[in-house]
């Protein structure tokens, strides 16, 4: 998927970009920064892990998560060529999360792109200790914790999330 992002940058003649990623999008941003650091001015890394120990297993269940999964199931049924396969899809994603991504400490320490590691105080999926470890290991990383929000901060408190994202973009543009 990082190659797909790179292809979009190429198609749009964008030499370098600040990347904002949420959840799997943050992971994709990491792999783009790792494979093509000259293309990434900075990475806003929100709500993701870079090795299996960072993901909560099981995740923190809540009414919010129940609503989210119900919405995902409806969207999957409406958009998928195999609408009955949502449970199988969730099982495959869960299995993947138990194995991937699986970046080593050496890979993390070798990162050359400035990163803002953003963690939601009430993230249902990612351990705070994981983000703290990433912040200690990735040399060009800054840690930011968004108070009072979950993995869905962009939807819960868009002004808070967008403010943090715009501050990142401003810093990268300097």
N, C-alpha and C. Protein backbone atom coordinates (compact mmCIF):
# COMPACT_ATOMS: atom_id res chain seq x y z
N UNK A 1 0.83 -1.20 0.00
CA UNK A 1 0.00 0.00 0.00
C UNK A 1 0.87 1.25 0.00
N UNK A 2 2.06 1.18 0.61
CA UNK A 2 2.97 2.32 0.55
C UNK A 2 3.38 2.60 -0.89
N UNK A 3 3.55 1.54 -1.68
CA UNK A 3 3.86 1.72 -3.10
C UNK A 3 2.71 2.41 -3.82
N UNK A 4 1.48 2.14 -3.41
CA UNK A 4 0.32 2.81 -4.00
C UNK A 4 0.36 4.31 -3.70
N UNK A 5 0.69 4.66 -2.46
CA UNK A 5 0.79 6.08 -2.09
C UNK A 5 1.88 6.74 -2.91
N UNK A 6 3.00 6.06 -3.03
CA UNK A 6 4.10 6.60 -3.83
C UNK A 6 3.66 6.81 -5.28
N UNK A 7 2.89 5.88 -5.83
CA UNK A 7 2.39 6.01 -7.20
C UNK A 7 1.46 7.22 -7.34
N UNK A 8 0.65 7.47 -6.32
CA UNK A 8 -0.22 8.66 -6.35
C UNK A 8 0.63 9.92 -6.33
N UNK A 9 1.65 9.95 -5.47
CA UNK A 9 2.55 11.11 -5.44
C UNK A 9 3.19 11.32 -6.81
N UNK A 10 3.63 10.23 -7.42
CA UNK A 10 4.23 10.32 -8.76
C UNK A 10 3.22 10.84 -9.78
N UNK A 11 2.01 10.29 -9.75
CA UNK A 11 0.99 10.68 -10.72
C UNK A 11 0.61 12.15 -10.58
N UNK A 12 0.70 12.66 -9.38
CA UNK A 12 0.36 14.07 -9.13
C UNK A 12 1.59 14.97 -9.18
N UNK A 13 2.74 14.40 -9.52
CA UNK A 13 4.02 15.14 -9.59
C UNK A 13 4.35 15.82 -8.26
N UNK A 14 4.12 15.11 -7.17
CA UNK A 14 4.45 15.60 -5.83
C UNK A 14 5.76 14.96 -5.41
N UNK A 15 6.79 15.78 -5.28
CA UNK A 15 8.12 15.26 -4.96
C UNK A 15 8.23 14.84 -3.49
N UNK A 16 7.68 15.66 -2.62
CA UNK A 16 7.77 15.42 -1.18
C UNK A 16 6.46 15.83 -0.54
N UNK A 17 6.02 15.06 0.46
CA UNK A 17 4.76 15.38 1.13
C UNK A 17 4.86 15.09 2.62
N UNK A 18 4.10 15.85 3.37
CA UNK A 18 3.87 15.53 4.77
C UNK A 18 2.74 14.51 4.78
N UNK A 19 2.95 13.40 5.48
CA UNK A 19 2.00 12.31 5.48
C UNK A 19 1.26 12.28 6.82
N UNK A 20 -0.05 12.23 6.76
CA UNK A 20 -0.89 12.07 7.95
C UNK A 20 -1.55 10.71 7.84
N UNK A 21 -1.31 9.88 8.86
CA UNK A 21 -1.89 8.54 8.84
C UNK A 21 -2.60 8.22 10.13
N UNK A 22 -3.75 7.58 10.00
CA UNK A 22 -4.57 7.16 11.14
C UNK A 22 -4.71 5.65 11.07
N UNK A 23 -4.34 4.96 12.12
CA UNK A 23 -4.46 3.52 12.23
C UNK A 23 -3.63 2.86 11.12
N UNK A 24 -4.23 2.02 10.29
CA UNK A 24 -3.45 1.38 9.24
C UNK A 24 -2.82 2.41 8.31
N UNK A 25 -3.44 3.56 8.16
CA UNK A 25 -2.86 4.62 7.34
C UNK A 25 -1.54 5.12 7.91
N UNK A 26 -1.42 5.13 9.24
CA UNK A 26 -0.15 5.52 9.86
C UNK A 26 0.92 4.48 9.56
N UNK A 27 0.53 3.22 9.61
CA UNK A 27 1.47 2.15 9.30
C UNK A 27 1.94 2.25 7.85
N UNK A 28 1.02 2.54 6.96
CA UNK A 28 1.38 2.72 5.55
C UNK A 28 2.34 3.91 5.42
N UNK A 29 2.06 4.98 6.13
CA UNK A 29 2.96 6.14 6.12
C UNK A 29 4.35 5.77 6.61
N UNK A 30 4.43 4.93 7.65
CA UNK A 30 5.73 4.47 8.16
C UNK A 30 6.50 3.73 7.07
N UNK A 31 5.82 2.81 6.37
CA UNK A 31 6.52 2.03 5.35
C UNK A 31 6.91 2.89 4.15
N UNK A 32 6.13 3.90 3.84
CA UNK A 32 6.52 4.85 2.80
C UNK A 32 7.77 5.61 3.25
N UNK A 33 7.76 6.09 4.49
CA UNK A 33 8.92 6.84 5.01
C UNK A 33 10.16 5.97 5.06
N UNK A 34 9.97 4.70 5.36
CA UNK A 34 11.10 3.76 5.43
C UNK A 34 11.66 3.46 4.04
N UNK A 35 10.78 3.27 3.06
CA UNK A 35 11.23 2.87 1.72
C UNK A 35 11.63 4.05 0.85
N UNK A 36 11.06 5.22 1.11
CA UNK A 36 11.34 6.40 0.28
C UNK A 36 11.41 7.65 1.15
N UNK A 37 12.37 7.72 2.07
CA UNK A 37 12.42 8.86 3.00
C UNK A 37 12.54 10.20 2.30
N UNK A 38 13.11 10.22 1.12
CA UNK A 38 13.24 11.48 0.38
C UNK A 38 11.89 12.02 -0.07
N UNK A 39 10.85 11.20 -0.05
CA UNK A 39 9.51 11.60 -0.47
C UNK A 39 8.65 12.10 0.68
N UNK A 40 9.10 11.87 1.93
CA UNK A 40 8.28 12.15 3.11
C UNK A 40 8.94 13.26 3.94
N UNK A 41 8.29 14.41 3.98
CA UNK A 41 8.82 15.53 4.77
C UNK A 41 8.63 15.29 6.26
N UNK A 42 7.62 14.54 6.61
CA UNK A 42 7.33 14.21 8.00
C UNK A 42 6.13 13.28 8.04
N UNK A 43 5.98 12.60 9.17
CA UNK A 43 4.89 11.64 9.32
C UNK A 43 4.14 11.91 10.62
N UNK A 44 2.85 12.15 10.51
CA UNK A 44 1.92 12.27 11.63
C UNK A 44 1.33 10.88 11.81
N UNK A 45 1.80 10.19 12.84
CA UNK A 45 1.54 8.77 13.04
C UNK A 45 0.54 8.63 14.18
N UNK A 46 -0.73 8.39 13.85
CA UNK A 46 -1.79 8.35 14.86
C UNK A 46 -2.44 6.98 14.94
N UNK A 47 -2.48 6.43 16.15
CA UNK A 47 -3.29 5.25 16.43
C UNK A 47 -2.82 3.98 15.77
N UNK A 48 -1.52 3.73 15.76
CA UNK A 48 -1.02 2.52 15.10
C UNK A 48 0.12 1.92 15.90
N UNK A 49 0.44 0.69 15.57
CA UNK A 49 1.56 -0.01 16.18
C UNK A 49 2.55 -0.39 15.09
N UNK A 50 3.80 -0.63 15.51
CA UNK A 50 4.82 -1.05 14.56
C UNK A 50 5.39 -2.42 14.88
N UNK A 51 4.86 -3.07 15.88
CA UNK A 51 5.11 -4.49 16.11
C UNK A 51 3.92 -5.05 16.88
N UNK A 52 3.72 -6.36 16.84
CA UNK A 52 2.51 -6.94 17.42
C UNK A 52 2.29 -6.63 18.90
N UNK A 53 3.36 -6.40 19.65
CA UNK A 53 3.19 -6.12 21.08
C UNK A 53 2.47 -4.80 21.33
N UNK A 54 2.41 -3.95 20.33
CA UNK A 54 1.76 -2.65 20.51
C UNK A 54 0.25 -2.70 20.43
N UNK A 55 -0.30 -3.76 19.85
CA UNK A 55 -1.74 -3.88 19.69
C UNK A 55 -2.35 -4.59 20.89
N UNK A 56 -3.42 -4.05 21.41
CA UNK A 56 -4.14 -4.69 22.51
C UNK A 56 -4.84 -5.93 21.98
N UNK A 57 -4.69 -7.03 22.68
CA UNK A 57 -5.33 -8.28 22.26
C UNK A 57 -5.85 -8.98 23.51
N UNK A 58 -7.12 -8.88 23.80
CA UNK A 58 -8.15 -8.27 22.95
C UNK A 58 -8.16 -6.76 23.11
N UNK A 59 -8.77 -6.10 22.15
CA UNK A 59 -8.92 -4.64 22.24
C UNK A 59 -9.96 -4.32 23.30
N UNK A 60 -10.01 -3.06 23.69
CA UNK A 60 -10.96 -2.62 24.72
C UNK A 60 -12.35 -2.45 24.11
N UNK A 61 -13.24 -3.36 24.43
CA UNK A 61 -14.61 -3.29 23.91
C UNK A 61 -15.36 -2.15 24.57
N UNK A 62 -16.29 -1.58 23.84
CA UNK A 62 -17.11 -0.48 24.35
C UNK A 62 -18.31 -0.29 23.43
N UNK A 63 -19.32 0.46 23.88
CA UNK A 63 -20.44 0.78 22.99
C UNK A 63 -19.98 1.50 21.71
N UNK A 64 -18.96 2.34 21.83
CA UNK A 64 -18.43 3.05 20.66
C UNK A 64 -17.87 2.05 19.64
N UNK A 65 -17.11 1.08 20.12
CA UNK A 65 -16.55 0.05 19.24
C UNK A 65 -17.69 -0.77 18.62
N UNK A 66 -18.70 -1.11 19.41
CA UNK A 66 -19.84 -1.86 18.88
C UNK A 66 -20.51 -1.10 17.74
N UNK A 67 -20.72 0.22 17.91
CA UNK A 67 -21.32 1.04 16.86
C UNK A 67 -20.43 1.07 15.61
N UNK A 68 -19.13 1.19 15.85
CA UNK A 68 -18.18 1.24 14.75
C UNK A 68 -18.22 -0.06 13.95
N UNK A 69 -18.16 -1.20 14.65
CA UNK A 69 -18.17 -2.49 13.95
C UNK A 69 -19.50 -2.73 13.24
N UNK A 70 -20.60 -2.28 13.83
CA UNK A 70 -21.90 -2.40 13.16
C UNK A 70 -21.90 -1.59 11.86
N UNK A 71 -21.32 -0.41 11.91
CA UNK A 71 -21.22 0.43 10.70
C UNK A 71 -20.33 -0.24 9.66
N UNK A 72 -19.19 -0.77 10.11
CA UNK A 72 -18.29 -1.47 9.19
C UNK A 72 -19.00 -2.65 8.53
N UNK A 73 -19.77 -3.39 9.32
CA UNK A 73 -20.48 -4.56 8.77
C UNK A 73 -21.50 -4.11 7.72
N UNK A 74 -22.23 -3.03 7.99
CA UNK A 74 -23.20 -2.51 7.00
C UNK A 74 -22.49 -2.05 5.73
N UNK A 75 -21.38 -1.31 5.90
CA UNK A 75 -20.63 -0.82 4.74
C UNK A 75 -20.06 -1.99 3.93
N UNK A 76 -19.52 -2.97 4.64
CA UNK A 76 -18.95 -4.14 3.97
C UNK A 76 -20.03 -4.85 3.16
N UNK A 77 -21.21 -5.05 3.77
CA UNK A 77 -22.31 -5.73 3.07
C UNK A 77 -22.74 -4.95 1.84
N UNK A 78 -22.71 -3.62 1.94
CA UNK A 78 -23.15 -2.80 0.82
C UNK A 78 -22.12 -2.71 -0.30
N UNK A 79 -20.84 -2.79 0.04
CA UNK A 79 -19.80 -2.51 -0.93
C UNK A 79 -18.98 -3.71 -1.40
N UNK A 80 -18.99 -4.78 -0.65
CA UNK A 80 -18.14 -5.92 -0.97
C UNK A 80 -18.78 -6.83 -2.01
N UNK A 81 -17.95 -7.42 -2.89
CA UNK A 81 -18.49 -8.41 -3.82
C UNK A 81 -18.86 -9.71 -3.09
N UNK A 82 -18.42 -9.86 -1.84
CA UNK A 82 -18.77 -11.03 -1.01
C UNK A 82 -19.35 -10.53 0.30
N UNK A 83 -20.56 -9.95 0.27
CA UNK A 83 -21.11 -9.27 1.44
C UNK A 83 -21.28 -10.16 2.66
N UNK A 84 -21.37 -11.47 2.47
CA UNK A 84 -21.53 -12.37 3.60
C UNK A 84 -20.20 -12.66 4.31
N UNK A 85 -19.09 -12.12 3.82
CA UNK A 85 -17.77 -12.47 4.33
C UNK A 85 -17.20 -11.55 5.39
N UNK A 86 -18.03 -10.72 6.04
CA UNK A 86 -17.48 -9.76 7.00
C UNK A 86 -16.76 -10.45 8.16
N UNK A 87 -17.36 -11.47 8.74
CA UNK A 87 -16.72 -12.16 9.88
C UNK A 87 -15.38 -12.76 9.46
N UNK A 88 -15.33 -13.34 8.29
CA UNK A 88 -14.07 -13.90 7.79
C UNK A 88 -13.04 -12.80 7.60
N UNK A 89 -13.47 -11.65 7.07
CA UNK A 89 -12.58 -10.50 6.89
C UNK A 89 -12.03 -10.04 8.23
N UNK A 90 -12.89 -9.88 9.23
CA UNK A 90 -12.45 -9.45 10.56
C UNK A 90 -11.47 -10.46 11.14
N UNK A 91 -11.73 -11.75 10.96
CA UNK A 91 -10.81 -12.78 11.43
C UNK A 91 -9.45 -12.67 10.78
N UNK A 92 -9.43 -12.41 9.48
CA UNK A 92 -8.16 -12.28 8.76
C UNK A 92 -7.38 -11.05 9.22
N UNK A 93 -8.09 -9.94 9.42
CA UNK A 93 -7.43 -8.73 9.90
C UNK A 93 -6.88 -8.94 11.31
N UNK A 94 -7.65 -9.59 12.17
CA UNK A 94 -7.20 -9.88 13.53
C UNK A 94 -5.96 -10.75 13.51
N UNK A 95 -5.95 -11.78 12.69
CA UNK A 95 -4.78 -12.65 12.57
C UNK A 95 -3.57 -11.88 12.07
N UNK A 96 -3.77 -11.00 11.10
CA UNK A 96 -2.68 -10.18 10.58
C UNK A 96 -2.11 -9.30 11.68
N UNK A 97 -2.98 -8.67 12.48
CA UNK A 97 -2.52 -7.76 13.53
C UNK A 97 -1.68 -8.48 14.58
N UNK A 98 -1.88 -9.77 14.73
CA UNK A 98 -1.09 -10.54 15.70
C UNK A 98 0.32 -10.82 15.18
N UNK A 99 0.56 -10.57 13.88
CA UNK A 99 1.87 -10.85 13.28
C UNK A 99 2.53 -9.64 12.65
N UNK A 100 1.74 -8.68 12.19
CA UNK A 100 2.26 -7.56 11.41
C UNK A 100 1.65 -6.25 11.87
N UNK A 101 2.35 -5.16 11.67
CA UNK A 101 3.75 -5.09 11.26
C UNK A 101 4.65 -5.63 12.36
N UNK A 102 5.89 -5.87 12.01
CA UNK A 102 6.82 -6.41 12.99
C UNK A 102 8.20 -5.80 12.79
N UNK A 103 8.30 -4.49 13.04
CA UNK A 103 9.54 -3.75 12.85
C UNK A 103 10.48 -4.00 14.02
N UNK A 104 11.75 -4.15 13.72
CA UNK A 104 12.76 -4.35 14.75
C UNK A 104 13.18 -3.01 15.36
N UNK A 105 13.81 -3.09 16.51
CA UNK A 105 14.34 -1.88 17.15
C UNK A 105 15.35 -1.19 16.23
N UNK A 106 16.15 -1.98 15.51
CA UNK A 106 17.13 -1.41 14.59
C UNK A 106 16.44 -0.64 13.46
N UNK A 107 15.35 -1.18 12.93
CA UNK A 107 14.60 -0.47 11.87
C UNK A 107 14.04 0.84 12.41
N UNK A 108 13.50 0.80 13.62
CA UNK A 108 12.94 2.01 14.22
C UNK A 108 14.02 3.06 14.43
N UNK A 109 15.16 2.62 14.96
CA UNK A 109 16.25 3.55 15.25
C UNK A 109 16.84 4.16 13.98
N UNK A 110 16.70 3.45 12.86
CA UNK A 110 17.25 3.94 11.60
C UNK A 110 16.34 4.94 10.89
N UNK A 111 15.17 5.19 11.43
CA UNK A 111 14.23 6.11 10.78
C UNK A 111 14.87 7.49 10.63
N UNK A 112 14.71 8.07 9.45
CA UNK A 112 15.31 9.38 9.20
C UNK A 112 14.29 10.49 9.01
N UNK A 113 13.03 10.14 8.95
CA UNK A 113 11.97 11.11 8.71
C UNK A 113 11.45 11.64 10.04
N UNK A 114 11.28 12.95 10.18
CA UNK A 114 10.68 13.48 11.41
C UNK A 114 9.26 12.93 11.59
N UNK A 115 8.96 12.51 12.81
CA UNK A 115 7.66 11.92 13.09
C UNK A 115 7.03 12.56 14.30
N UNK A 116 5.73 12.74 14.25
CA UNK A 116 4.95 13.05 15.43
C UNK A 116 4.12 11.81 15.73
N UNK A 117 4.45 11.16 16.85
CA UNK A 117 3.74 9.97 17.29
C UNK A 117 2.58 10.43 18.15
N UNK A 118 1.38 10.19 17.68
CA UNK A 118 0.19 10.71 18.35
C UNK A 118 -0.59 9.53 18.94
N UNK A 119 -0.88 9.65 20.23
CA UNK A 119 -1.61 8.59 20.92
C UNK A 119 -2.86 9.18 21.56
N UNK A 120 -3.97 8.50 21.40
CA UNK A 120 -5.22 8.90 22.06
C UNK A 120 -5.19 8.35 23.49
N UNK A 121 -5.49 9.20 24.43
CA UNK A 121 -5.46 8.80 25.84
C UNK A 121 -6.28 7.54 26.10
N UNK A 122 -7.39 7.38 25.39
CA UNK A 122 -8.28 6.23 25.61
C UNK A 122 -8.31 5.29 24.40
N UNK A 123 -7.17 5.14 23.74
CA UNK A 123 -7.13 4.29 22.55
C UNK A 123 -7.52 2.86 22.90
N UNK A 124 -8.47 2.33 22.16
CA UNK A 124 -8.98 0.98 22.41
C UNK A 124 -8.07 -0.11 21.83
N UNK A 125 -7.19 0.25 20.92
CA UNK A 125 -6.43 -0.75 20.17
C UNK A 125 -4.92 -0.75 20.42
N UNK A 126 -4.37 0.39 20.81
CA UNK A 126 -2.91 0.53 20.90
C UNK A 126 -2.50 0.84 22.34
N UNK A 127 -1.49 0.11 22.81
CA UNK A 127 -0.96 0.34 24.16
C UNK A 127 -0.16 1.65 24.22
N UNK A 128 -0.39 2.42 25.26
CA UNK A 128 0.40 3.65 25.46
C UNK A 128 1.88 3.30 25.60
N UNK A 129 2.20 2.22 26.29
CA UNK A 129 3.61 1.84 26.48
C UNK A 129 4.31 1.61 25.14
N UNK A 130 3.58 1.16 24.15
CA UNK A 130 4.17 0.94 22.82
C UNK A 130 4.57 2.28 22.19
N UNK A 131 3.68 3.25 22.27
CA UNK A 131 3.98 4.56 21.69
C UNK A 131 5.15 5.20 22.45
N UNK A 132 5.17 5.04 23.77
CA UNK A 132 6.30 5.56 24.55
C UNK A 132 7.61 4.93 24.09
N UNK A 133 7.59 3.62 23.85
CA UNK A 133 8.81 2.93 23.38
C UNK A 133 9.21 3.42 22.00
N UNK A 134 8.25 3.63 21.11
CA UNK A 134 8.56 4.17 19.79
C UNK A 134 9.21 5.55 19.93
N UNK A 135 8.67 6.37 20.82
CA UNK A 135 9.21 7.72 21.01
C UNK A 135 10.65 7.68 21.53
N UNK A 136 10.97 6.68 22.34
CA UNK A 136 12.35 6.55 22.85
C UNK A 136 13.29 5.99 21.78
N UNK A 137 12.77 5.21 20.85
CA UNK A 137 13.60 4.49 19.89
C UNK A 137 13.80 5.25 18.59
N UNK A 138 12.78 5.93 18.12
CA UNK A 138 12.86 6.66 16.85
C UNK A 138 13.45 8.04 17.14
N UNK A 139 14.61 8.30 16.59
CA UNK A 139 15.37 9.50 16.95
C UNK A 139 14.68 10.80 16.59
N UNK A 140 14.02 10.85 15.47
CA UNK A 140 13.37 12.09 15.02
C UNK A 140 11.90 12.15 15.41
N UNK A 141 11.55 11.50 16.53
CA UNK A 141 10.13 11.42 16.89
C UNK A 141 9.80 12.34 18.05
N UNK A 142 8.61 12.89 17.96
CA UNK A 142 8.02 13.70 19.03
C UNK A 142 6.75 12.98 19.46
N UNK A 143 6.50 12.91 20.75
CA UNK A 143 5.31 12.25 21.29
C UNK A 143 4.24 13.29 21.61
N UNK A 144 3.02 13.01 21.22
CA UNK A 144 1.89 13.86 21.54
C UNK A 144 0.73 12.96 21.98
N UNK A 145 0.17 13.24 23.15
CA UNK A 145 -0.97 12.48 23.65
C UNK A 145 -2.19 13.40 23.60
N UNK A 146 -3.24 12.92 22.94
CA UNK A 146 -4.49 13.67 22.86
C UNK A 146 -5.38 13.26 24.03
N UNK A 147 -5.70 14.19 24.92
CA UNK A 147 -6.46 13.83 26.12
C UNK A 147 -7.94 13.58 25.84
N UNK A 148 -8.49 12.62 26.58
CA UNK A 148 -9.93 12.41 26.61
C UNK A 148 -10.54 11.83 25.35
N UNK A 149 -9.73 11.32 24.43
CA UNK A 149 -10.28 10.78 23.18
C UNK A 149 -9.82 9.34 23.00
N UNK A 150 -10.48 8.66 22.06
CA UNK A 150 -10.16 7.28 21.76
C UNK A 150 -9.50 7.19 20.38
N UNK A 151 -9.43 5.99 19.88
CA UNK A 151 -8.88 5.72 18.55
C UNK A 151 -9.62 6.52 17.48
N UNK A 152 -10.80 6.98 17.81
CA UNK A 152 -11.65 7.70 16.86
C UNK A 152 -11.63 9.21 17.08
N UNK A 153 -10.52 9.71 17.59
CA UNK A 153 -10.37 11.14 17.88
C UNK A 153 -10.75 12.05 16.71
N UNK A 154 -10.38 11.71 15.46
CA UNK A 154 -10.75 12.62 14.37
C UNK A 154 -12.26 12.81 14.24
N UNK A 155 -13.03 11.82 14.68
CA UNK A 155 -14.48 11.93 14.63
C UNK A 155 -15.05 12.49 15.94
N UNK A 156 -14.43 12.15 17.06
CA UNK A 156 -14.92 12.58 18.37
C UNK A 156 -14.68 14.06 18.63
N UNK A 157 -13.47 14.48 18.38
CA UNK A 157 -13.07 15.87 18.64
C UNK A 157 -12.23 16.36 17.47
N UNK A 158 -12.88 16.63 16.35
CA UNK A 158 -12.12 17.02 15.16
C UNK A 158 -11.27 18.26 15.37
N UNK A 159 -11.74 19.21 16.18
CA UNK A 159 -10.94 20.43 16.38
C UNK A 159 -9.63 20.10 17.09
N UNK A 160 -9.67 19.19 18.06
CA UNK A 160 -8.45 18.79 18.78
C UNK A 160 -7.51 18.06 17.82
N UNK A 161 -8.05 17.07 17.13
CA UNK A 161 -7.23 16.29 16.20
C UNK A 161 -6.67 17.19 15.10
N UNK A 162 -7.53 17.99 14.47
CA UNK A 162 -7.08 18.84 13.37
C UNK A 162 -6.07 19.88 13.83
N UNK A 163 -6.25 20.40 15.05
CA UNK A 163 -5.27 21.34 15.59
C UNK A 163 -3.89 20.71 15.70
N UNK A 164 -3.85 19.49 16.20
CA UNK A 164 -2.57 18.77 16.32
C UNK A 164 -1.98 18.50 14.94
N UNK A 165 -2.82 18.09 14.01
CA UNK A 165 -2.36 17.79 12.66
C UNK A 165 -1.83 19.05 11.97
N UNK A 166 -2.53 20.16 12.13
CA UNK A 166 -2.09 21.40 11.49
C UNK A 166 -0.80 21.93 12.12
N UNK A 167 -0.64 21.74 13.43
CA UNK A 167 0.62 22.13 14.07
C UNK A 167 1.77 21.30 13.50
N UNK A 168 1.54 20.01 13.31
CA UNK A 168 2.53 19.14 12.66
C UNK A 168 2.85 19.67 11.27
N UNK A 169 1.85 19.94 10.47
CA UNK A 169 2.07 20.40 9.09
C UNK A 169 2.84 21.71 9.08
N UNK A 170 2.52 22.61 10.01
CA UNK A 170 3.24 23.88 10.11
C UNK A 170 4.71 23.65 10.43
N UNK A 171 4.98 22.75 11.36
CA UNK A 171 6.37 22.46 11.73
C UNK A 171 7.13 21.82 10.60
N UNK A 172 6.48 20.94 9.84
CA UNK A 172 7.15 20.27 8.72
C UNK A 172 7.44 21.27 7.61
N UNK A 173 6.57 22.25 7.42
CA UNK A 173 6.72 23.22 6.35
C UNK A 173 7.84 24.22 6.61
N UNK A 174 8.28 24.31 7.85
CA UNK A 174 9.36 25.29 8.15
C UNK A 174 10.64 24.95 7.49
